[in-house]
Amino acid sequence: MAALSRGLISRLRLLTINSTTTASTPLRGQFFRRFSSESSVDASTCEIDGAATRIIEAKPGVMTQNSKRTGLIAVKCGMTAVWDKWGARVPISVLWVDDNIVSQVKTPEKEGICALQIGCGQKKEKHLTKPEVGHFRAQGVPMKRKLREFPVTEDALLPVGTSIGVRHFVPGQYVDVAGITRGKGFQGVMKRHGHRGGPASHGASLSHRSVGSTGQRDTPGKVFKGKKMPGRMGGQQRTVKNVWVYKVDPARNLMWVRGQVPGAEGNFVFIKDAVYKKPKTDLLPFPTYFAKEDGDATDFEPLVADLGEVDPFMVAD
């Protein structure tokens, strides 16, 4: 009995107490409907606790100032460089949006929030755990290598299985890129916190790069929490804000952004619309970009940001 859950015990107790009353009939029906293994769930017609499941359609909408779109999962391919009109080298990061699809939809009626779970890449079933395989089979989507949940507004929900490409973002807009930074191991205070170190000549003996004094004398006689000291450096999730999208290539699902993004080559990064430098709502596809049914060739042409009259990435003559 100790192995049974409290919820199951309470329902059994209610069934035994109200077995002789007429009010117990709908309660027993509700109990066996909840715990029956033969019942099937249809996302378009079933009811959960008396509320009908929402029907989500994949169609373009109108984006407002309060709308919040989903993000994407990309793989950091590497870095390249271009030169501005003054001859300075500008770093460019190349990101690969590898087969992003919607693997789960969370609605206020069921989970209490509005969010989309995005899956990226491919992975064999033998390399996944049984709960992961069951999750993908229940949603009816292929096995994915990486999952990430993005909060969205109700008008930005997409049905399960919707494919999201690199044209979800528009060249010229700003995005926030999050990822796991490169792990640098155990480092000292000069590399980890930027300390200048001790004197290099007089008055120092084998303590040029040491941390120095870490505490006080009798008052307070302790080391305060948060003191900058040697330790593990890197390997943490960090977000680079206001990264400018320079170019997108829908044919190869590649994306060029100006500047550096966290992580090493081959790591996953998470891209979403910038919070501080919000793009214009009339320029973004909402809730995402839907390819044309006739398969127009313009859907696969590379798009480059409008650089104005003077190209900042070209060397001046």
C-alpha atoms as a PDB file:
ATOM      1  CA  MET A   1       0.000   0.000   0.000  1.00  0.00           C
ATOM      2  CA  ALA A   2       2.931   2.324   0.640  1.00  0.00           C
ATOM      3  CA  ALA A   3       3.923   2.046  -3.020  1.00  0.00           C
ATOM      4  CA  LEU A   4       0.570   3.415  -4.228  1.00  0.00           C
ATOM      5  CA  SER A   5       0.232   7.104  -4.828  1.00  0.00           C
ATOM      6  CA  ARG A   6      -1.909   9.232  -2.541  1.00  0.00           C
ATOM      7  CA  GLY A   7      -4.095  10.275  -5.443  1.00  0.00           C
ATOM      8  CA  LEU A   8      -4.950   6.688  -6.304  1.00  0.00           C
ATOM      9  CA  ILE A   9      -5.701   5.818  -2.673  1.00  0.00           C
ATOM     10  CA  SER A  10      -7.998   8.829  -2.287  1.00  0.00           C
ATOM     11  CA  ARG A  11      -9.942   7.910  -5.424  1.00  0.00           C
ATOM     12  CA  LEU A  12     -10.373   4.314  -4.252  1.00  0.00           C
ATOM     13  CA  ARG A  13     -11.615   5.571  -0.896  1.00  0.00           C
ATOM     14  CA  LEU A  14     -14.163   7.831  -2.584  1.00  0.00           C
ATOM     15  CA  LEU A  15     -15.418   4.944  -4.685  1.00  0.00           C
ATOM     16  CA  THR A  16     -15.944   2.714  -1.657  1.00  0.00           C
ATOM     17  CA  ILE A  17     -17.690   5.444   0.343  1.00  0.00           C
ATOM     18  CA  ASN A  18     -20.080   6.525  -2.411  1.00  0.00           C
ATOM     19  CA  SER A  19     -20.734   3.084  -3.914  1.00  0.00           C
ATOM     20  CA  THR A  20     -24.313   3.000  -2.600  1.00  0.00           C
ATOM     21  CA  THR A  21     -25.278   6.506  -3.691  1.00  0.00           C
ATOM     22  CA  THR A  22     -26.385   7.662  -7.105  1.00  0.00           C
ATOM     23  CA  ALA A  23     -23.720  10.349  -7.194  1.00  0.00           C
ATOM     24  CA  SER A  24     -21.026   7.684  -7.322  1.00  0.00           C
ATOM     25  CA  THR A  25     -21.887   6.648 -10.866  1.00  0.00           C
ATOM     26  CA  PRO A  26     -20.307   9.623 -12.678  1.00  0.00           C
ATOM     27  CA  LEU A  27     -17.383   9.495 -10.228  1.00  0.00           C
ATOM     28  CA  ARG A  28     -16.627   5.869 -11.104  1.00  0.00           C
ATOM     29  CA  GLY A  29     -16.920   6.706 -14.770  1.00  0.00           C
ATOM     30  CA  GLN A  30     -14.482   9.564 -14.348  1.00  0.00           C
ATOM     31  CA  PHE A  31     -12.090   7.322 -12.392  1.00  0.00           C
ATOM     32  CA  PHE A  32     -12.020   4.528 -14.965  1.00  0.00           C
ATOM     33  CA  ARG A  33     -11.843   7.035 -17.817  1.00  0.00           C
ATOM     34  CA  ARG A  34      -8.722   8.592 -16.298  1.00  0.00           C
ATOM     35  CA  PHE A  35      -6.956   5.290 -15.558  1.00  0.00           C
ATOM     36  CA  SER A  36      -8.125   3.175 -18.496  1.00  0.00           C
ATOM     37  CA  SER A  37      -5.357   2.046 -20.873  1.00  0.00           C
ATOM     38  CA  GLU A  38      -7.774   1.444 -23.739  1.00  0.00           C
ATOM     39  CA  SER A  39      -8.870   5.055 -24.124  1.00  0.00           C
ATOM     40  CA  SER A  40      -7.357   6.888 -27.090  1.00  0.00           C
ATOM     41  CA  VAL A  41      -6.657  10.610 -27.238  1.00  0.00           C
ATOM     42  CA  ASP A  42      -7.556  12.697 -30.271  1.00  0.00           C
ATOM     43  CA  ALA A  43      -5.989  16.161 -30.153  1.00  0.00           C
ATOM     44  CA  SER A  44      -8.730  17.711 -32.266  1.00  0.00           C
ATOM     45  CA  THR A  45     -11.854  16.371 -30.519  1.00  0.00           C
ATOM     46  CA  CYS A  46     -10.994  15.187 -27.002  1.00  0.00           C
ATOM     47  CA  GLU A  47     -11.847  17.031 -23.815  1.00  0.00           C
ATOM     48  CA  ILE A  48      -9.618  17.440 -20.777  1.00  0.00           C
ATOM     49  CA  ASP A  49     -11.467  18.117 -17.528  1.00  0.00           C
ATOM     50  CA  GLY A  50     -14.455  19.409 -19.460  1.00  0.00           C
ATOM     51  CA  ALA A  51     -12.466  21.867 -21.644  1.00  0.00           C
ATOM     52  CA  ALA A  52     -12.054  21.199 -25.366  1.00  0.00           C
ATOM     53  CA  THR A  53      -8.511  20.981 -26.695  1.00  0.00           C
ATOM     54  CA  ARG A  54      -7.445  23.990 -28.712  1.00  0.00           C
ATOM     55  CA  ILE A  55      -7.126  23.541 -32.486  1.00  0.00           C
ATOM     56  CA  ILE A  56      -3.970  25.278 -33.727  1.00  0.00           C
ATOM     57  CA  GLU A  57      -3.598  26.101 -37.415  1.00  0.00           C
ATOM     58  CA  ALA A  58      -0.420  26.858 -39.330  1.00  0.00           C
ATOM     59  CA  LYS A  59      -1.295  30.103 -41.070  1.00  0.00           C
ATOM     60  CA  PRO A  60       0.196  33.620 -41.231  1.00  0.00           C
ATOM     61  CA  GLY A  61      -0.986  36.153 -38.694  1.00  0.00           C
ATOM     62  CA  VAL A  62      -0.569  39.776 -37.711  1.00  0.00           C
ATOM     63  CA  MET A  63       2.180  40.543 -35.229  1.00  0.00           C
ATOM     64  CA  THR A  64       1.609  43.161 -32.532  1.00  0.00           C
ATOM     65  CA  GLN A  65       3.972  44.919 -30.145  1.00  0.00           C
ATOM     66  CA  ASN A  66       3.111  42.408 -27.415  1.00  0.00           C
ATOM     67  CA  SER A  67       3.545  39.323 -29.607  1.00  0.00           C
ATOM     68  CA  LYS A  68       6.434  36.985 -28.842  1.00  0.00           C
ATOM     69  CA  ARG A  69       7.661  34.527 -31.447  1.00  0.00           C
ATOM     70  CA  THR A  70       9.450  31.256 -30.876  1.00  0.00           C
ATOM     71  CA  GLY A  71      13.198  30.872 -31.170  1.00  0.00           C
ATOM     72  CA  LEU A  72      15.377  28.399 -33.046  1.00  0.00           C
ATOM     73  CA  ILE A  73      18.167  25.933 -32.273  1.00  0.00           C
ATOM     74  CA  ALA A  74      21.311  26.188 -34.381  1.00  0.00           C
ATOM     75  CA  VAL A  75      24.753  24.611 -34.552  1.00  0.00           C
ATOM     76  CA  LYS A  76      27.791  26.870 -34.458  1.00  0.00           C
ATOM     77  CA  CYS A  77      29.759  26.056 -37.625  1.00  0.00           C
ATOM     78  CA  GLY A  78      32.658  28.459 -37.215  1.00  0.00           C
ATOM     79  CA  MET A  79      33.742  32.003 -37.869  1.00  0.00           C
ATOM     80  CA  THR A  80      34.778  34.029 -40.869  1.00  0.00           C
ATOM     81  CA  ALA A  81      35.584  37.695 -41.371  1.00  0.00           C
ATOM     82  CA  VAL A  82      34.826  40.641 -43.630  1.00  0.00           C
ATOM     83  CA  TRP A  83      36.445  44.049 -43.776  1.00  0.00           C
ATOM     84  CA  ASP A  84      34.758  47.398 -43.300  1.00  0.00           C
ATOM     85  CA  LYS A  85      35.452  50.579 -45.271  1.00  0.00           C
ATOM     86  CA  TRP A  86      38.332  51.494 -42.948  1.00  0.00           C
ATOM     87  CA  GLY A  87      40.041  48.158 -43.483  1.00  0.00           C
ATOM     88  CA  ALA A  88      39.192  46.816 -40.037  1.00  0.00           C
ATOM     89  CA  ARG A  89      38.434  43.112 -39.655  1.00  0.00           C
ATOM     90  CA  VAL A  90      34.832  42.372 -38.630  1.00  0.00           C
ATOM     91  CA  PRO A  91      34.179  38.846 -37.261  1.00  0.00           C
ATOM     92  CA  ILE A  92      31.209  36.926 -38.656  1.00  0.00           C
ATOM     93  CA  SER A  93      29.793  33.764 -37.044  1.00  0.00           C
ATOM     94  CA  VAL A  94      28.167  31.095 -39.207  1.00  0.00           C
ATOM     95  CA  LEU A  95      25.215  29.192 -37.706  1.00  0.00           C
ATOM     96  CA  TRP A  96      23.443  26.150 -39.143  1.00  0.00           C
ATOM     97  CA  VAL A  97      19.714  25.753 -38.417  1.00  0.00           C
ATOM     98  CA  ASP A  98      19.489  21.954 -38.637  1.00  0.00           C
ATOM     99  CA  ASP A  99      15.928  20.740 -39.345  1.00  0.00           C
ATOM    100  CA  ASN A 100      13.977  22.588 -36.642  1.00  0.00           C
ATOM    101  CA  ILE A 101      10.411  21.381 -36.059  1.00  0.00           C
ATOM    102  CA  VAL A 102       7.779  21.899 -33.372  1.00  0.00           C
ATOM    103  CA  SER A 103       7.899  18.773 -31.195  1.00  0.00           C
ATOM    104  CA  GLN A 104       5.357  19.822 -28.523  1.00  0.00           C
ATOM    105  CA  VAL A 105       2.810  22.575 -27.907  1.00  0.00           C
ATOM    106  CA  LYS A 106       1.992  23.752 -24.393  1.00  0.00           C
ATOM    107  CA  THR A 107      -1.275  25.631 -23.921  1.00  0.00           C
ATOM    108  CA  PRO A 108      -2.876  27.323 -20.896  1.00  0.00           C
ATOM    109  CA  GLU A 109      -5.707  24.767 -20.890  1.00  0.00           C
ATOM    110  CA  LYS A 110      -3.383  21.814 -20.306  1.00  0.00           C
ATOM    111  CA  GLU A 111       0.022  22.958 -19.010  1.00  0.00           C
ATOM    112  CA  GLY A 112      -0.911  26.449 -17.823  1.00  0.00           C
ATOM    113  CA  ILE A 113       1.606  28.219 -20.080  1.00  0.00           C
ATOM    114  CA  CYS A 114       2.042  29.135 -23.747  1.00  0.00           C
ATOM    115  CA  ALA A 115       5.248  27.633 -25.102  1.00  0.00           C
ATOM    116  CA  LEU A 116       6.640  25.695 -28.038  1.00  0.00           C
ATOM    117  CA  GLN A 117       9.169  22.901 -27.731  1.00  0.00           C
ATOM    118  CA  ILE A 118      11.538  22.937 -30.695  1.00  0.00           C
ATOM    119  CA  GLY A 119      13.553  19.912 -31.790  1.00  0.00           C
ATOM    120  CA  CYS A 120      16.786  20.111 -33.792  1.00  0.00           C
ATOM    121  CA  GLY A 121      18.839  17.579 -35.740  1.00  0.00           C
ATOM    122  CA  GLN A 122      18.362  13.830 -35.980  1.00  0.00           C
ATOM    123  CA  LYS A 123      19.216  10.988 -33.637  1.00  0.00           C
ATOM    124  CA  LYS A 124      18.773   7.225 -33.745  1.00  0.00           C
ATOM    125  CA  GLU A 125      16.312   5.560 -31.414  1.00  0.00           C
ATOM    126  CA  LYS A 126      19.005   3.328 -29.893  1.00  0.00           C
ATOM    127  CA  HIS A 127      20.873   6.425 -28.701  1.00  0.00           C
ATOM    128  CA  LEU A 128      17.855   7.828 -26.819  1.00  0.00           C
ATOM    129  CA  THR A 129      16.392   6.856 -23.474  1.00  0.00           C
ATOM    130  CA  LYS A 130      13.004   5.146 -23.274  1.00  0.00           C
ATOM    131  CA  PRO A 131      11.240   8.253 -21.878  1.00  0.00           C
ATOM    132  CA  GLU A 132      12.630  10.318 -24.769  1.00  0.00           C
ATOM    133  CA  VAL A 133      11.498   7.755 -27.333  1.00  0.00           C
ATOM    134  CA  GLY A 134       8.047   7.657 -25.744  1.00  0.00           C
ATOM    135  CA  HIS A 135       7.816  11.445 -25.849  1.00  0.00           C
ATOM    136  CA  PHE A 136       8.605  11.613 -29.569  1.00  0.00           C
ATOM    137  CA  ARG A 137       6.223   8.758 -30.386  1.00  0.00           C
ATOM    138  CA  ALA A 138       3.402  10.339 -28.393  1.00  0.00           C
ATOM    139  CA  GLN A 139       3.817  13.598 -30.297  1.00  0.00           C
ATOM    140  CA  GLY A 140       4.212  11.817 -33.647  1.00  0.00           C
ATOM    141  CA  VAL A 141       7.458  13.568 -34.603  1.00  0.00           C
ATOM    142  CA  PRO A 142      10.882  12.186 -35.644  1.00  0.00           C
ATOM    143  CA  MET A 143      13.614  11.560 -33.086  1.00  0.00           C
ATOM    144  CA  LYS A 144      15.505  14.766 -32.401  1.00  0.00           C
ATOM    145  CA  ARG A 145      18.992  15.380 -31.084  1.00  0.00           C
ATOM    146  CA  LYS A 146      18.317  18.565 -29.102  1.00  0.00           C
ATOM    147  CA  LEU A 147      15.169  20.009 -27.519  1.00  0.00           C
ATOM    148  CA  ARG A 148      14.503  23.514 -26.265  1.00  0.00           C
ATOM    149  CA  GLU A 149      11.367  25.210 -24.973  1.00  0.00           C
ATOM    150  CA  PHE A 150      10.608  28.800 -25.971  1.00  0.00           C
ATOM    151  CA  PRO A 151       7.839  30.829 -24.288  1.00  0.00           C
ATOM    152  CA  VAL A 152       5.478  32.453 -26.798  1.00  0.00           C
ATOM    153  CA  THR A 153       2.225  34.360 -26.804  1.00  0.00           C
ATOM    154  CA  GLU A 154      -1.060  32.670 -27.707  1.00  0.00           C
ATOM    155  CA  ASP A 155      -1.154  34.212 -31.182  1.00  0.00           C
ATOM    156  CA  ALA A 156       2.282  32.719 -31.976  1.00  0.00           C
ATOM    157  CA  LEU A 157       1.408  29.058 -31.327  1.00  0.00           C
ATOM    158  CA  LEU A 158       2.183  26.550 -34.089  1.00  0.00           C
ATOM    159  CA  PRO A 159       0.907  22.970 -34.537  1.00  0.00           C
ATOM    160  CA  VAL A 160       3.107  19.972 -33.809  1.00  0.00           C
ATOM    161  CA  GLY A 161       5.310  18.991 -36.737  1.00  0.00           C
ATOM    162  CA  THR A 162       5.624  22.490 -38.237  1.00  0.00           C
ATOM    163  CA  SER A 163       9.023  22.946 -39.868  1.00  0.00           C
ATOM    164  CA  ILE A 164      10.834  26.198 -39.071  1.00  0.00           C
ATOM    165  CA  GLY A 165      13.666  27.303 -41.351  1.00  0.00           C
ATOM    166  CA  VAL A 166      16.283  29.999 -41.305  1.00  0.00           C
ATOM    167  CA  ARG A 167      13.878  32.487 -42.918  1.00  0.00           C
ATOM    168  CA  HIS A 168      12.213  32.724 -39.528  1.00  0.00           C
ATOM    169  CA  PHE A 169      14.696  35.575 -39.053  1.00  0.00           C
ATOM    170  CA  VAL A 170      15.144  38.549 -41.366  1.00  0.00           C
ATOM    171  CA  PRO A 171      18.565  39.973 -42.353  1.00  0.00           C
ATOM    172  CA  GLY A 172      19.109  43.291 -40.657  1.00  0.00           C
ATOM    173  CA  GLN A 173      17.302  42.445 -37.421  1.00  0.00           C
ATOM    174  CA  TYR A 174      18.878  41.925 -33.997  1.00  0.00           C
ATOM    175  CA  VAL A 175      18.755  38.632 -32.128  1.00  0.00           C
ATOM    176  CA  ASP A 176      19.922  37.239 -28.770  1.00  0.00           C
ATOM    177  CA  VAL A 177      22.135  34.144 -28.965  1.00  0.00           C
ATOM    178  CA  ALA A 178      22.571  31.873 -25.918  1.00  0.00           C
ATOM    179  CA  GLY A 179      24.949  28.944 -25.564  1.00  0.00           C
ATOM    180  CA  ILE A 180      27.466  27.154 -23.371  1.00  0.00           C
ATOM    181  CA  THR A 181      30.801  28.947 -23.331  1.00  0.00           C
ATOM    182  CA  ARG A 182      34.112  27.204 -23.930  1.00  0.00           C
ATOM    183  CA  GLY A 183      35.445  25.438 -20.865  1.00  0.00           C
ATOM    184  CA  LYS A 184      38.890  26.771 -19.881  1.00  0.00           C
ATOM    185  CA  GLY A 185      39.522  24.590 -16.843  1.00  0.00           C
ATOM    186  CA  PHE A 186      40.955  25.775 -13.526  1.00  0.00           C
ATOM    187  CA  GLN A 187      42.398  29.280 -13.934  1.00  0.00           C
ATOM    188  CA  GLY A 188      43.931  31.937 -11.713  1.00  0.00           C
ATOM    189  CA  VAL A 189      42.580  35.356 -10.872  1.00  0.00           C
ATOM    190  CA  MET A 190      44.512  37.166 -13.609  1.00  0.00           C
ATOM    191  CA  LYS A 191      42.906  35.153 -16.408  1.00  0.00           C
ATOM    192  CA  ARG A 192      39.581  34.516 -14.712  1.00  0.00           C
ATOM    193  CA  HIS A 193      38.865  37.974 -13.239  1.00  0.00           C
ATOM    194  CA  GLY A 194      41.369  40.266 -14.943  1.00  0.00           C
ATOM    195  CA  HIS A 195      43.541  41.065 -11.898  1.00  0.00           C
ATOM    196  CA  ARG A 196      46.792  42.838 -12.687  1.00  0.00           C
ATOM    197  CA  GLY A 197      48.955  40.624 -10.441  1.00  0.00           C
ATOM    198  CA  GLY A 198      51.783  41.501  -8.061  1.00  0.00           C
ATOM    199  CA  PRO A 199      54.974  43.471  -8.738  1.00  0.00           C
ATOM    200  CA  ALA A 200      57.203  41.932 -11.368  1.00  0.00           C
ATOM    201  CA  SER A 201      60.557  42.987  -9.869  1.00  0.00           C
ATOM    202  CA  HIS A 202      61.194  44.129  -6.298  1.00  0.00           C
ATOM    203  CA  GLY A 203      59.348  42.849  -3.278  1.00  0.00           C
ATOM    204  CA  ALA A 204      57.864  39.731  -4.904  1.00  0.00           C
ATOM    205  CA  SER A 205      59.060  36.168  -4.653  1.00  0.00           C
ATOM    206  CA  LEU A 206      57.206  33.537  -6.676  1.00  0.00           C
ATOM    207  CA  SER A 207      53.921  35.421  -6.213  1.00  0.00           C
ATOM    208  CA  HIS A 208      53.650  37.500  -9.366  1.00  0.00           C
ATOM    209  CA  ARG A 209      50.299  36.007 -10.417  1.00  0.00           C
ATOM    210  CA  SER A 210      48.923  35.083  -6.990  1.00  0.00           C
ATOM    211  CA  VAL A 211      45.599  36.296  -5.646  1.00  0.00           C
ATOM    212  CA  GLY A 212      47.161  38.207  -2.761  1.00  0.00           C
ATOM    213  CA  SER A 213      45.269  38.940   0.438  1.00  0.00           C
ATOM    214  CA  THR A 214      41.813  37.355   0.612  1.00  0.00           C
ATOM    215  CA  GLY A 215      40.694  38.344   4.100  1.00  0.00           C
ATOM    216  CA  GLN A 216      41.204  40.849   6.913  1.00  0.00           C
ATOM    217  CA  ARG A 217      42.651  40.676  10.398  1.00  0.00           C
ATOM    218  CA  ASP A 218      40.546  40.164  13.504  1.00  0.00           C
ATOM    219  CA  THR A 219      37.738  42.322  12.162  1.00  0.00           C
ATOM    220  CA  PRO A 220      35.848  40.632  10.551  1.00  0.00           C
ATOM    221  CA  GLY A 221      38.393  37.798  10.475  1.00  0.00           C
ATOM    222  CA  LYS A 222      36.837  35.913   7.569  1.00  0.00           C
ATOM    223  CA  VAL A 223      36.651  35.762   3.778  1.00  0.00           C
ATOM    224  CA  PHE A 224      33.455  37.274   2.392  1.00  0.00           C
ATOM    225  CA  LYS A 225      31.254  35.253   0.079  1.00  0.00           C
ATOM    226  CA  GLY A 226      31.738  36.037  -3.582  1.00  0.00           C
ATOM    227  CA  LYS A 227      35.433  36.863  -3.250  1.00  0.00           C
ATOM    228  CA  LYS A 228      37.127  36.658  -6.660  1.00  0.00           C
ATOM    229  CA  MET A 229      39.462  33.702  -6.385  1.00  0.00           C
ATOM    230  CA  PRO A 230      40.894  30.988  -8.670  1.00  0.00           C
ATOM    231  CA  GLY A 231      38.482  28.341  -9.903  1.00  0.00           C
ATOM    232  CA  ARG A 232      36.759  26.740 -12.853  1.00  0.00           C
ATOM    233  CA  MET A 233      36.384  29.112 -15.788  1.00  0.00           C
ATOM    234  CA  GLY A 234      33.922  28.809 -18.671  1.00  0.00           C
ATOM    235  CA  GLY A 235      31.459  26.029 -19.365  1.00  0.00           C
ATOM    236  CA  GLN A 236      28.448  28.150 -18.383  1.00  0.00           C
ATOM    237  CA  GLN A 237      25.419  29.332 -20.319  1.00  0.00           C
ATOM    238  CA  ARG A 238      25.777  32.908 -21.457  1.00  0.00           C
ATOM    239  CA  THR A 239      23.677  35.124 -23.735  1.00  0.00           C
ATOM    240  CA  VAL A 240      25.133  37.565 -26.254  1.00  0.00           C
ATOM    241  CA  LYS A 241      22.565  40.290 -26.796  1.00  0.00           C
ATOM    242  CA  ASN A 242      21.856  42.420 -29.848  1.00  0.00           C
ATOM    243  CA  VAL A 243      23.630  40.279 -32.445  1.00  0.00           C
ATOM    244  CA  TRP A 244      23.055  41.648 -35.941  1.00  0.00           C
ATOM    245  CA  VAL A 245      21.866  39.228 -38.648  1.00  0.00           C
ATOM    246  CA  TYR A 246      23.958  39.856 -41.748  1.00  0.00           C
ATOM    247  CA  LYS A 247      22.810  37.125 -44.161  1.00  0.00           C
ATOM    248  CA  VAL A 248      20.615  34.017 -44.403  1.00  0.00           C
ATOM    249  CA  ASP A 249      20.833  31.165 -46.929  1.00  0.00           C
ATOM    250  CA  PRO A 250      17.546  29.184 -47.006  1.00  0.00           C
ATOM    251  CA  ALA A 251      18.926  26.552 -49.410  1.00  0.00           C
ATOM    252  CA  ARG A 252      21.526  25.426 -46.856  1.00  0.00           C
ATOM    253  CA  ASN A 253      19.789  26.747 -43.717  1.00  0.00           C
ATOM    254  CA  LEU A 254      22.842  28.862 -42.894  1.00  0.00           C
ATOM    255  CA  MET A 255      22.829  32.128 -41.001  1.00  0.00           C
ATOM    256  CA  TRP A 256      25.593  34.748 -40.756  1.00  0.00           C
ATOM    257  CA  VAL A 257      25.622  37.042 -37.715  1.00  0.00           C
ATOM    258  CA  ARG A 258      28.031  39.854 -36.892  1.00  0.00           C
ATOM    259  CA  GLY A 259      30.220  39.246 -33.881  1.00  0.00           C
ATOM    260  CA  GLN A 260      30.996  36.249 -31.740  1.00  0.00           C
ATOM    261  CA  VAL A 261      28.542  33.828 -30.192  1.00  0.00           C
ATOM    262  CA  PRO A 262      29.227  31.652 -27.121  1.00  0.00           C
ATOM    263  CA  GLY A 263      30.455  28.100 -27.439  1.00  0.00           C
ATOM    264  CA  ALA A 264      32.886  26.060 -29.490  1.00  0.00           C
ATOM    265  CA  GLU A 265      32.363  24.834 -33.028  1.00  0.00           C
ATOM    266  CA  GLY A 266      29.740  22.095 -33.131  1.00  0.00           C
ATOM    267  CA  ASN A 267      27.895  23.299 -30.017  1.00  0.00           C
ATOM    268  CA  PHE A 268      24.208  24.148 -29.965  1.00  0.00           C
ATOM    269  CA  VAL A 269      23.115  27.760 -29.619  1.00  0.00           C
ATOM    270  CA  PHE A 270      19.623  29.146 -29.066  1.00  0.00           C
ATOM    271  CA  ILE A 271      18.486  32.143 -31.116  1.00  0.00           C
ATOM    272  CA  LYS A 272      15.489  34.386 -30.472  1.00  0.00           C
ATOM    273  CA  ASP A 273      14.379  37.926 -31.250  1.00  0.00           C
ATOM    274  CA  ALA A 274      16.325  40.581 -29.378  1.00  0.00           C
ATOM    275  CA  VAL A 275      14.743  41.909 -26.199  1.00  0.00           C
ATOM    276  CA  TYR A 276      16.331  45.360 -26.146  1.00  0.00           C
ATOM    277  CA  LYS A 277      16.666  46.132 -29.851  1.00  0.00           C
ATOM    278  CA  LYS A 278      13.311  44.797 -30.931  1.00  0.00           C
ATOM    279  CA  PRO A 279      12.864  44.384 -34.691  1.00  0.00           C
ATOM    280  CA  LYS A 280      10.001  46.007 -36.527  1.00  0.00           C
ATOM    281  CA  THR A 281       6.840  43.934 -36.382  1.00  0.00           C
ATOM    282  CA  ASP A 282       5.934  44.580 -40.024  1.00  0.00           C
ATOM    283  CA  LEU A 283       9.216  43.040 -41.253  1.00  0.00           C
ATOM    284  CA  LEU A 284       9.105  39.738 -39.362  1.00  0.00           C
ATOM    285  CA  PRO A 285       7.141  36.694 -40.612  1.00  0.00           C
ATOM    286  CA  PHE A 286       4.554  35.834 -37.983  1.00  0.00           C
ATOM    287  CA  PRO A 287       4.294  33.353 -36.356  1.00  0.00           C
ATOM    288  CA  THR A 288       6.981  32.004 -38.726  1.00  0.00           C
ATOM    289  CA  TYR A 289       7.824  31.932 -42.410  1.00  0.00           C
ATOM    290  CA  PHE A 290       5.636  29.579 -44.457  1.00  0.00           C
ATOM    291  CA  ALA A 291       7.081  28.435 -47.776  1.00  0.00           C
ATOM    292  CA  LYS A 292       4.963  28.831 -50.879  1.00  0.00           C
ATOM    293  CA  GLU A 293       3.027  25.768 -51.991  1.00  0.00           C
ATOM    294  CA  ASP A 294       4.181  26.015 -55.616  1.00  0.00           C
ATOM    295  CA  GLY A 295       7.821  25.745 -54.516  1.00  0.00           C
ATOM    296  CA  ASP A 296       8.970  29.101 -55.848  1.00  0.00           C
ATOM    297  CA  ALA A 297      12.737  29.399 -56.381  1.00  0.00           C
ATOM    298  CA  THR A 298      12.759  32.709 -54.515  1.00  0.00           C
ATOM    299  CA  ASP A 299      12.254  30.805 -51.259  1.00  0.00           C
ATOM    300  CA  PHE A 300      15.820  29.445 -51.529  1.00  0.00           C
ATOM    301  CA  GLU A 301      17.685  32.568 -52.639  1.00  0.00           C
ATOM    302  CA  PRO A 302      20.196  34.040 -50.149  1.00  0.00           C
ATOM    303  CA  LEU A 303      19.097  37.242 -48.449  1.00  0.00           C
ATOM    304  CA  VAL A 304      21.563  39.939 -47.360  1.00  0.00           C
ATOM    305  CA  ALA A 305      20.830  42.837 -45.031  1.00  0.00           C
ATOM    306  CA  ASP A 306      20.410  46.287 -46.503  1.00  0.00           C
ATOM    307  CA  LEU A 307      23.696  48.054 -45.788  1.00  0.00           C
ATOM    308  CA  GLY A 308      22.635  51.472 -47.063  1.00  0.00           C
ATOM    309  CA  GLU A 309      24.513  53.654 -49.523  1.00  0.00           C
ATOM    310  CA  VAL A 310      27.959  52.770 -48.160  1.00  0.00           C
ATOM    311  CA  ASP A 311      28.760  49.113 -47.539  1.00  0.00           C
ATOM    312  CA  PRO A 312      30.425  48.928 -44.085  1.00  0.00           C
ATOM    313  CA  PHE A 313      31.963  45.551 -44.927  1.00  0.00           C
ATOM    314  CA  MET A 314      33.874  46.704 -48.021  1.00  0.00           C
ATOM    315  CA  VAL A 315      37.370  48.180 -47.954  1.00  0.00           C
ATOM    316  CA  ALA A 316      37.459  51.789 -49.080  1.00  0.00           C
ATOM    317  CA  ASP A 317      39.245  52.445 -52.385  1.00  0.00           C
END
